[in-house]
Amino acid sequence: MAYNNGRENRKWLIWKEAEEKILREHGIDEITIEQIRTDDRADFNSNRRFYHWTSDFGEYLEGMADREQNTEVKTVADLLDEIEDETLYRALLTVDRRTLQIILLKMQGFPTKEIAPLVGLTTGAIYARLDTNPIRTRIRNSIPAIFIRSFV
C-alpha cells in the first residue's frame, strides 16, 4: 500500500499524546517534553520523506492477492469460464470433452502417464490428440508456443 501521510500523522499524534501523558504523570518538565516532541517530529518527517518515495511492493502484492479471488480451475466448466481470449474460447468449444479434460489435467501439472488412465486413453493417444487436434492449429497464434509445448 502506498504511504498515507494523513493516516501515519494521526497514528503518530495518538502515540505522542499517550507518551506525553505518561511523561507528565512521572513529573517530567514541559521543556523536556517539548524537546522530545520536537525530536520525534523530526524523525517522523524524515520517515515521511523516505516512505513517500518508496513503494512497499510486498504489501502491494498482498493487497492485490486479497482483491482477486483465488479461483482454482477444477472442472472443464471452470476452465471455459476462465478463458478471456475469444479466439481461444471458440477453439476450445469445438473440442470434445475428453480433450478438454486432458488440457485441464495438463494445466494442473499432471504428467501424461498419469492422465492416460484417468481419461481411458494410452499415452500415445493423448499425444496424438494434442498434436493433431484442430485446437492446436486454431490457437497457435493466440497463445505463446511455450504454453502449447507444455501440453505435449
N, C-alpha and C. Protein backbone atom coordinates (compact mmCIF):
# COMPACT_ATOMS: atom_id res chain seq x y z
N MET A 1 0.84 -1.16 0.00
CA MET A 1 0.00 0.00 0.00
C MET A 1 0.90 1.23 0.00
N ALA A 2 0.49 2.25 -0.70
CA ALA A 2 1.26 3.49 -0.76
C ALA A 2 1.26 4.16 0.60
N TYR A 3 2.28 4.96 0.83
CA TYR A 3 2.40 5.67 2.09
C TYR A 3 1.30 6.71 2.19
N ASN A 4 0.55 6.68 3.28
CA ASN A 4 -0.55 7.59 3.50
C ASN A 4 -0.15 8.53 4.64
N ASN A 5 0.25 9.74 4.30
CA ASN A 5 0.75 10.67 5.30
C ASN A 5 -0.30 11.03 6.35
N GLY A 6 -1.54 11.24 5.94
CA GLY A 6 -2.59 11.59 6.88
C GLY A 6 -2.81 10.52 7.93
N ARG A 7 -2.87 9.27 7.48
CA ARG A 7 -3.06 8.15 8.40
C ARG A 7 -1.87 8.02 9.35
N GLU A 8 -0.67 8.12 8.80
CA GLU A 8 0.52 7.99 9.64
C GLU A 8 0.63 9.16 10.63
N ASN A 9 0.23 10.35 10.21
CA ASN A 9 0.26 11.51 11.10
C ASN A 9 -0.72 11.32 12.27
N ARG A 10 -1.93 10.83 11.97
CA ARG A 10 -2.90 10.57 13.04
C ARG A 10 -2.37 9.53 14.02
N LYS A 11 -1.77 8.46 13.50
CA LYS A 11 -1.20 7.43 14.37
C LYS A 11 -0.09 8.02 15.24
N TRP A 12 0.74 8.87 14.64
CA TRP A 12 1.84 9.49 15.39
C TRP A 12 1.30 10.40 16.49
N LEU A 13 0.27 11.20 16.17
CA LEU A 13 -0.30 12.11 17.17
C LEU A 13 -0.91 11.36 18.35
N ILE A 14 -1.61 10.28 18.07
CA ILE A 14 -2.19 9.46 19.14
C ILE A 14 -1.09 8.89 20.02
N TRP A 15 -0.06 8.35 19.38
CA TRP A 15 1.06 7.77 20.13
C TRP A 15 1.75 8.85 20.96
N LYS A 16 1.95 10.04 20.36
CA LYS A 16 2.68 11.12 21.03
C LYS A 16 1.90 11.64 22.23
N GLU A 17 0.58 11.82 22.08
CA GLU A 17 -0.24 12.29 23.20
C GLU A 17 -0.22 11.30 24.36
N ALA A 18 -0.27 10.01 24.05
CA ALA A 18 -0.21 8.99 25.11
C ALA A 18 1.15 9.03 25.80
N GLU A 19 2.21 9.21 25.03
CA GLU A 19 3.55 9.27 25.62
C GLU A 19 3.71 10.50 26.51
N GLU A 20 3.22 11.64 26.03
CA GLU A 20 3.33 12.87 26.81
C GLU A 20 2.51 12.79 28.10
N LYS A 21 1.39 12.12 28.05
CA LYS A 21 0.58 11.94 29.25
C LYS A 21 1.36 11.15 30.30
N ILE A 22 2.03 10.09 29.86
CA ILE A 22 2.83 9.27 30.78
C ILE A 22 4.00 10.09 31.33
N LEU A 23 4.64 10.88 30.48
CA LEU A 23 5.76 11.71 30.94
C LEU A 23 5.30 12.73 31.98
N ARG A 24 4.15 13.36 31.75
CA ARG A 24 3.64 14.34 32.72
C ARG A 24 3.28 13.67 34.05
N GLU A 25 2.73 12.45 33.98
CA GLU A 25 2.39 11.71 35.21
C GLU A 25 3.63 11.39 36.03
N HIS A 26 4.77 11.24 35.35
CA HIS A 26 6.02 10.93 36.05
C HIS A 26 6.82 12.18 36.41
N GLY A 27 6.24 13.36 36.23
CA GLY A 27 6.85 14.58 36.70
C GLY A 27 7.91 15.17 35.79
N ILE A 28 7.92 14.86 34.51
CA ILE A 28 8.89 15.43 33.57
C ILE A 28 8.44 16.85 33.25
N ASP A 29 9.37 17.80 33.24
CA ASP A 29 9.01 19.19 32.99
C ASP A 29 8.63 19.40 31.53
N GLU A 30 7.87 20.46 31.26
CA GLU A 30 7.31 20.73 29.93
C GLU A 30 8.39 21.04 28.89
N ILE A 31 9.49 21.64 29.32
CA ILE A 31 10.57 21.95 28.37
C ILE A 31 11.16 20.66 27.80
N THR A 32 11.38 19.67 28.66
CA THR A 32 11.93 18.38 28.21
C THR A 32 10.92 17.66 27.31
N ILE A 33 9.64 17.71 27.69
CA ILE A 33 8.60 17.08 26.87
C ILE A 33 8.55 17.74 25.50
N GLU A 34 8.64 19.07 25.46
CA GLU A 34 8.63 19.78 24.18
C GLU A 34 9.85 19.42 23.33
N GLN A 35 11.02 19.27 23.98
CA GLN A 35 12.23 18.89 23.24
C GLN A 35 12.08 17.48 22.66
N ILE A 36 11.53 16.57 23.45
CA ILE A 36 11.29 15.19 22.96
C ILE A 36 10.32 15.22 21.80
N ARG A 37 9.28 16.04 21.90
CA ARG A 37 8.28 16.14 20.83
C ARG A 37 8.93 16.68 19.55
N THR A 38 9.78 17.69 19.67
CA THR A 38 10.47 18.26 18.51
C THR A 38 11.37 17.22 17.84
N ASP A 39 12.11 16.46 18.64
CA ASP A 39 12.99 15.42 18.09
C ASP A 39 12.18 14.30 17.43
N ASP A 40 11.09 13.89 18.07
CA ASP A 40 10.25 12.84 17.49
C ASP A 40 9.59 13.31 16.20
N ARG A 41 9.21 14.59 16.16
CA ARG A 41 8.59 15.12 14.95
C ARG A 41 9.61 15.15 13.80
N ALA A 42 10.85 15.49 14.11
CA ALA A 42 11.90 15.49 13.09
C ALA A 42 12.10 14.06 12.56
N ASP A 43 12.07 13.06 13.44
CA ASP A 43 12.17 11.67 13.00
C ASP A 43 10.98 11.28 12.13
N PHE A 44 9.79 11.70 12.54
CA PHE A 44 8.58 11.40 11.75
C PHE A 44 8.69 12.01 10.36
N ASN A 45 9.12 13.28 10.30
CA ASN A 45 9.24 13.94 8.99
C ASN A 45 10.29 13.28 8.12
N SER A 46 11.37 12.82 8.72
CA SER A 46 12.40 12.11 7.96
C SER A 46 11.84 10.81 7.38
N ASN A 47 11.11 10.07 8.20
CA ASN A 47 10.49 8.84 7.72
C ASN A 47 9.46 9.13 6.64
N ARG A 48 8.71 10.20 6.80
CA ARG A 48 7.71 10.56 5.80
C ARG A 48 8.37 10.85 4.46
N ARG A 49 9.47 11.60 4.48
CA ARG A 49 10.16 11.89 3.22
C ARG A 49 10.68 10.61 2.57
N PHE A 50 11.16 9.69 3.37
CA PHE A 50 11.67 8.44 2.83
C PHE A 50 10.55 7.58 2.25
N TYR A 51 9.50 7.34 3.03
CA TYR A 51 8.42 6.44 2.60
C TYR A 51 7.56 7.04 1.50
N HIS A 52 7.57 8.35 1.38
CA HIS A 52 6.81 8.99 0.30
C HIS A 52 7.32 8.56 -1.07
N TRP A 53 8.61 8.31 -1.18
CA TRP A 53 9.22 7.98 -2.48
C TRP A 53 9.53 6.51 -2.67
N THR A 54 9.21 5.70 -1.70
CA THR A 54 9.44 4.27 -1.86
C THR A 54 8.12 3.54 -1.89
N SER A 55 8.12 2.40 -2.51
CA SER A 55 6.91 1.58 -2.56
C SER A 55 7.20 0.25 -1.90
N ASP A 56 6.29 -0.19 -1.11
CA ASP A 56 6.42 -1.50 -0.50
C ASP A 56 5.67 -2.48 -1.37
N PHE A 57 6.39 -3.13 -2.28
CA PHE A 57 5.74 -4.00 -3.24
C PHE A 57 5.17 -5.26 -2.60
N GLY A 58 5.75 -5.67 -1.47
CA GLY A 58 5.20 -6.83 -0.77
C GLY A 58 3.77 -6.57 -0.32
N GLU A 59 3.54 -5.42 0.29
CA GLU A 59 2.18 -5.07 0.71
C GLU A 59 1.28 -4.86 -0.50
N TYR A 60 1.82 -4.29 -1.56
CA TYR A 60 1.03 -4.09 -2.77
C TYR A 60 0.55 -5.43 -3.33
N LEU A 61 1.48 -6.37 -3.43
CA LEU A 61 1.11 -7.67 -3.97
C LEU A 61 0.13 -8.40 -3.06
N GLU A 62 0.32 -8.29 -1.75
CA GLU A 62 -0.63 -8.90 -0.82
C GLU A 62 -2.02 -8.29 -0.99
N GLY A 63 -2.06 -6.98 -1.15
CA GLY A 63 -3.35 -6.31 -1.35
C GLY A 63 -4.01 -6.75 -2.64
N MET A 64 -3.23 -6.88 -3.69
CA MET A 64 -3.79 -7.34 -4.96
C MET A 64 -4.29 -8.78 -4.84
N ALA A 65 -3.55 -9.62 -4.13
CA ALA A 65 -3.97 -11.01 -3.95
C ALA A 65 -5.27 -11.07 -3.15
N ASP A 66 -5.42 -10.19 -2.18
CA ASP A 66 -6.66 -10.16 -1.41
C ASP A 66 -7.84 -9.73 -2.26
N ARG A 67 -7.59 -8.80 -3.18
CA ARG A 67 -8.68 -8.31 -4.03
C ARG A 67 -9.13 -9.34 -5.04
N GLU A 68 -8.17 -10.06 -5.57
CA GLU A 68 -8.51 -11.07 -6.57
C GLU A 68 -9.00 -12.33 -5.88
N GLN A 69 -9.98 -12.93 -6.47
CA GLN A 69 -10.49 -14.18 -5.92
C GLN A 69 -9.54 -15.29 -6.33
N ASN A 70 -9.25 -16.15 -5.37
CA ASN A 70 -8.43 -17.32 -5.68
C ASN A 70 -9.33 -18.39 -6.27
N THR A 71 -9.44 -18.38 -7.58
CA THR A 71 -10.29 -19.37 -8.23
C THR A 71 -9.39 -20.43 -8.83
N GLU A 72 -9.58 -21.63 -8.37
CA GLU A 72 -8.86 -22.75 -8.95
C GLU A 72 -9.73 -23.37 -10.02
N VAL A 73 -9.11 -23.70 -11.12
CA VAL A 73 -9.82 -24.35 -12.21
C VAL A 73 -9.82 -25.84 -11.91
N LYS A 74 -10.99 -26.35 -11.49
CA LYS A 74 -11.10 -27.75 -11.10
C LYS A 74 -11.89 -28.59 -12.09
N THR A 75 -12.73 -27.94 -12.87
CA THR A 75 -13.56 -28.67 -13.83
C THR A 75 -13.40 -28.05 -15.20
N VAL A 76 -13.89 -28.76 -16.19
CA VAL A 76 -13.83 -28.26 -17.57
C VAL A 76 -14.68 -26.99 -17.67
N ALA A 77 -15.81 -26.95 -16.97
CA ALA A 77 -16.65 -25.75 -17.00
C ALA A 77 -15.90 -24.56 -16.40
N ASP A 78 -15.16 -24.78 -15.31
CA ASP A 78 -14.35 -23.71 -14.73
C ASP A 78 -13.30 -23.23 -15.73
N LEU A 79 -12.69 -24.18 -16.43
CA LEU A 79 -11.68 -23.85 -17.43
C LEU A 79 -12.26 -22.94 -18.49
N LEU A 80 -13.42 -23.29 -19.01
CA LEU A 80 -14.06 -22.47 -20.05
C LEU A 80 -14.50 -21.12 -19.51
N ASP A 81 -14.91 -21.07 -18.25
CA ASP A 81 -15.32 -19.80 -17.66
C ASP A 81 -14.15 -18.84 -17.47
N GLU A 82 -12.95 -19.36 -17.28
CA GLU A 82 -11.78 -18.52 -17.03
C GLU A 82 -11.11 -18.01 -18.30
N ILE A 83 -11.49 -18.52 -19.47
CA ILE A 83 -10.88 -18.10 -20.74
C ILE A 83 -11.35 -16.69 -21.08
N GLU A 84 -10.39 -15.78 -21.30
CA GLU A 84 -10.73 -14.41 -21.66
C GLU A 84 -10.53 -14.14 -23.15
N ASP A 85 -9.65 -14.89 -23.79
CA ASP A 85 -9.39 -14.70 -25.21
C ASP A 85 -10.50 -15.36 -26.02
N GLU A 86 -11.18 -14.58 -26.84
CA GLU A 86 -12.33 -15.08 -27.58
C GLU A 86 -11.94 -16.16 -28.59
N THR A 87 -10.80 -16.00 -29.25
CA THR A 87 -10.35 -16.99 -30.23
C THR A 87 -10.08 -18.33 -29.54
N LEU A 88 -9.40 -18.28 -28.43
CA LEU A 88 -9.12 -19.49 -27.67
C LEU A 88 -10.40 -20.13 -27.16
N TYR A 89 -11.33 -19.31 -26.68
CA TYR A 89 -12.60 -19.83 -26.17
C TYR A 89 -13.38 -20.55 -27.27
N ARG A 90 -13.46 -19.93 -28.45
CA ARG A 90 -14.19 -20.58 -29.56
C ARG A 90 -13.51 -21.87 -29.99
N ALA A 91 -12.18 -21.87 -29.98
CA ALA A 91 -11.45 -23.09 -30.34
C ALA A 91 -11.71 -24.19 -29.33
N LEU A 92 -11.74 -23.85 -28.06
CA LEU A 92 -12.00 -24.86 -27.03
C LEU A 92 -13.42 -25.39 -27.07
N LEU A 93 -14.36 -24.58 -27.52
CA LEU A 93 -15.75 -25.04 -27.62
C LEU A 93 -15.94 -26.11 -28.69
N THR A 94 -15.06 -26.11 -29.69
CA THR A 94 -15.19 -27.09 -30.78
C THR A 94 -14.55 -28.42 -30.45
N VAL A 95 -13.85 -28.51 -29.33
CA VAL A 95 -13.12 -29.73 -28.96
C VAL A 95 -14.00 -30.61 -28.08
N ASP A 96 -13.81 -31.94 -28.21
CA ASP A 96 -14.62 -32.86 -27.41
C ASP A 96 -14.24 -32.78 -25.93
N ARG A 97 -15.13 -33.30 -25.07
CA ARG A 97 -14.96 -33.22 -23.61
C ARG A 97 -13.69 -33.92 -23.13
N ARG A 98 -13.34 -35.03 -23.75
CA ARG A 98 -12.17 -35.79 -23.29
C ARG A 98 -10.89 -34.99 -23.51
N THR A 99 -10.80 -34.32 -24.64
CA THR A 99 -9.62 -33.49 -24.92
C THR A 99 -9.57 -32.31 -23.95
N LEU A 100 -10.71 -31.72 -23.65
CA LEU A 100 -10.75 -30.63 -22.67
C LEU A 100 -10.30 -31.14 -21.29
N GLN A 101 -10.69 -32.36 -20.94
CA GLN A 101 -10.25 -32.93 -19.67
C GLN A 101 -8.74 -33.13 -19.67
N ILE A 102 -8.18 -33.56 -20.78
CA ILE A 102 -6.73 -33.72 -20.89
C ILE A 102 -6.03 -32.37 -20.72
N ILE A 103 -6.56 -31.34 -21.38
CA ILE A 103 -5.98 -30.00 -21.27
C ILE A 103 -6.03 -29.51 -19.83
N LEU A 104 -7.16 -29.73 -19.18
CA LEU A 104 -7.31 -29.31 -17.78
C LEU A 104 -6.30 -30.01 -16.88
N LEU A 105 -6.14 -31.32 -17.05
CA LEU A 105 -5.19 -32.06 -16.23
C LEU A 105 -3.75 -31.63 -16.52
N LYS A 106 -3.45 -31.32 -17.78
CA LYS A 106 -2.12 -30.81 -18.12
C LYS A 106 -1.86 -29.47 -17.44
N MET A 107 -2.88 -28.60 -17.42
CA MET A 107 -2.75 -27.30 -16.77
C MET A 107 -2.53 -27.46 -15.26
N GLN A 108 -3.09 -28.50 -14.69
CA GLN A 108 -2.93 -28.75 -13.26
C GLN A 108 -1.59 -29.41 -12.94
N GLY A 109 -0.82 -29.75 -13.97
CA GLY A 109 0.52 -30.25 -13.76
C GLY A 109 0.67 -31.76 -13.80
N PHE A 110 -0.37 -32.47 -14.19
CA PHE A 110 -0.28 -33.92 -14.26
C PHE A 110 0.57 -34.34 -15.46
N PRO A 111 1.45 -35.34 -15.30
CA PRO A 111 2.18 -35.85 -16.46
C PRO A 111 1.27 -36.74 -17.31
N THR A 112 1.65 -36.89 -18.54
CA THR A 112 0.83 -37.67 -19.48
C THR A 112 0.60 -39.10 -18.99
N LYS A 113 1.60 -39.69 -18.36
CA LYS A 113 1.46 -41.06 -17.87
C LYS A 113 0.37 -41.19 -16.81
N GLU A 114 0.14 -40.14 -16.02
CA GLU A 114 -0.92 -40.18 -15.02
C GLU A 114 -2.28 -39.81 -15.62
N ILE A 115 -2.27 -39.02 -16.67
CA ILE A 115 -3.53 -38.62 -17.31
C ILE A 115 -4.15 -39.79 -18.06
N ALA A 116 -3.32 -40.62 -18.70
CA ALA A 116 -3.82 -41.70 -19.54
C ALA A 116 -4.86 -42.57 -18.84
N PRO A 117 -4.59 -43.13 -17.65
CA PRO A 117 -5.63 -43.96 -17.02
C PRO A 117 -6.86 -43.15 -16.56
N LEU A 118 -6.67 -41.89 -16.27
CA LEU A 118 -7.79 -41.07 -15.81
C LEU A 118 -8.82 -40.83 -16.91
N VAL A 119 -8.35 -40.70 -18.15
CA VAL A 119 -9.27 -40.43 -19.26
C VAL A 119 -9.52 -41.67 -20.12
N GLY A 120 -8.88 -42.78 -19.78
CA GLY A 120 -9.11 -44.02 -20.50
C GLY A 120 -8.45 -44.09 -21.87
N LEU A 121 -7.31 -43.48 -22.01
CA LEU A 121 -6.56 -43.50 -23.27
C LEU A 121 -5.12 -43.91 -22.98
N THR A 122 -4.40 -44.27 -24.03
CA THR A 122 -2.98 -44.54 -23.89
C THR A 122 -2.23 -43.22 -23.97
N THR A 123 -0.97 -43.23 -23.53
CA THR A 123 -0.17 -42.01 -23.60
C THR A 123 0.01 -41.56 -25.05
N GLY A 124 0.16 -42.53 -25.95
CA GLY A 124 0.29 -42.20 -27.37
C GLY A 124 -0.96 -41.52 -27.91
N ALA A 125 -2.12 -41.99 -27.46
CA ALA A 125 -3.38 -41.38 -27.92
C ALA A 125 -3.51 -39.95 -27.39
N ILE A 126 -3.02 -39.73 -26.19
CA ILE A 126 -3.07 -38.37 -25.63
C ILE A 126 -2.17 -37.44 -26.44
N TYR A 127 -0.94 -37.90 -26.72
CA TYR A 127 -0.04 -37.09 -27.54
C TYR A 127 -0.65 -36.82 -28.91
N ALA A 128 -1.28 -37.83 -29.49
CA ALA A 128 -1.88 -37.66 -30.81
C ALA A 128 -3.03 -36.65 -30.77
N ARG A 129 -3.85 -36.70 -29.72
CA ARG A 129 -4.95 -35.74 -29.59
C ARG A 129 -4.43 -34.31 -29.48
N LEU A 130 -3.37 -34.15 -28.71
CA LEU A 130 -2.86 -32.80 -28.52
C LEU A 130 -2.06 -32.30 -29.72
N ASP A 131 -1.44 -33.21 -30.46
CA ASP A 131 -0.66 -32.81 -31.63
C ASP A 131 -1.52 -32.57 -32.87
N THR A 132 -2.48 -33.46 -33.11
CA THR A 132 -3.24 -33.38 -34.36
C THR A 132 -4.59 -32.73 -34.19
N ASN A 133 -4.94 -32.40 -33.00
CA ASN A 133 -6.24 -31.82 -32.75
C ASN A 133 -6.35 -30.45 -33.41
N PRO A 134 -7.51 -30.12 -33.94
CA PRO A 134 -7.69 -28.82 -34.59
C PRO A 134 -7.47 -27.64 -33.64
N ILE A 135 -7.60 -27.90 -32.36
CA ILE A 135 -7.41 -26.81 -31.40
C ILE A 135 -6.00 -26.24 -31.50
N ARG A 136 -5.03 -27.12 -31.71
CA ARG A 136 -3.65 -26.66 -31.77
C ARG A 136 -3.43 -25.72 -32.94
N THR A 137 -3.99 -26.03 -34.07
CA THR A 137 -3.79 -25.17 -35.24
C THR A 137 -4.60 -23.88 -35.12
N ARG A 138 -5.74 -23.92 -34.45
CA ARG A 138 -6.57 -22.72 -34.33
C ARG A 138 -6.01 -21.70 -33.36
N ILE A 139 -5.33 -22.19 -32.35
CA ILE A 139 -4.88 -21.26 -31.32
C ILE A 139 -3.38 -20.98 -31.37
N ARG A 140 -2.71 -21.50 -32.35
CA ARG A 140 -1.26 -21.33 -32.43
C ARG A 140 -0.86 -19.86 -32.35
N ASN A 141 -1.61 -18.98 -32.97
CA ASN A 141 -1.26 -17.56 -32.97
C ASN A 141 -1.82 -16.80 -31.77
N SER A 142 -2.76 -17.41 -31.04
CA SER A 142 -3.37 -16.65 -29.95
C SER A 142 -2.70 -16.85 -28.61
N ILE A 143 -1.87 -17.90 -28.48
CA ILE A 143 -1.15 -18.11 -27.23
C ILE A 143 0.30 -18.44 -27.53
N PRO A 144 1.19 -18.19 -26.56
CA PRO A 144 2.63 -18.44 -26.80
C PRO A 144 2.93 -19.91 -27.06
N ALA A 145 4.00 -20.15 -27.80
CA ALA A 145 4.41 -21.52 -28.13
C ALA A 145 4.79 -22.30 -26.88
N ILE A 146 5.30 -21.63 -25.87
CA ILE A 146 5.69 -22.31 -24.62
C ILE A 146 4.47 -22.97 -23.99
N PHE A 147 3.32 -22.27 -24.03
CA PHE A 147 2.09 -22.81 -23.47
C PHE A 147 1.65 -24.04 -24.25
N ILE A 148 1.76 -23.97 -25.57
CA ILE A 148 1.34 -25.11 -26.40
C ILE A 148 2.26 -26.30 -26.14
N ARG A 149 3.57 -26.06 -26.04
CA ARG A 149 4.51 -27.15 -25.81
C ARG A 149 4.28 -27.83 -24.45
N SER A 150 3.72 -27.10 -23.50
CA SER A 150 3.52 -27.70 -22.19
C SER A 150 2.45 -28.77 -22.23
N PHE A 151 1.60 -28.79 -23.26
CA PHE A 151 0.58 -29.81 -23.37
C PHE A 151 1.13 -31.12 -23.92
N VAL A 152 2.26 -31.06 -24.57
CA VAL A 152 2.80 -32.27 -25.22
C VAL A 152 3.80 -32.96 -24.33
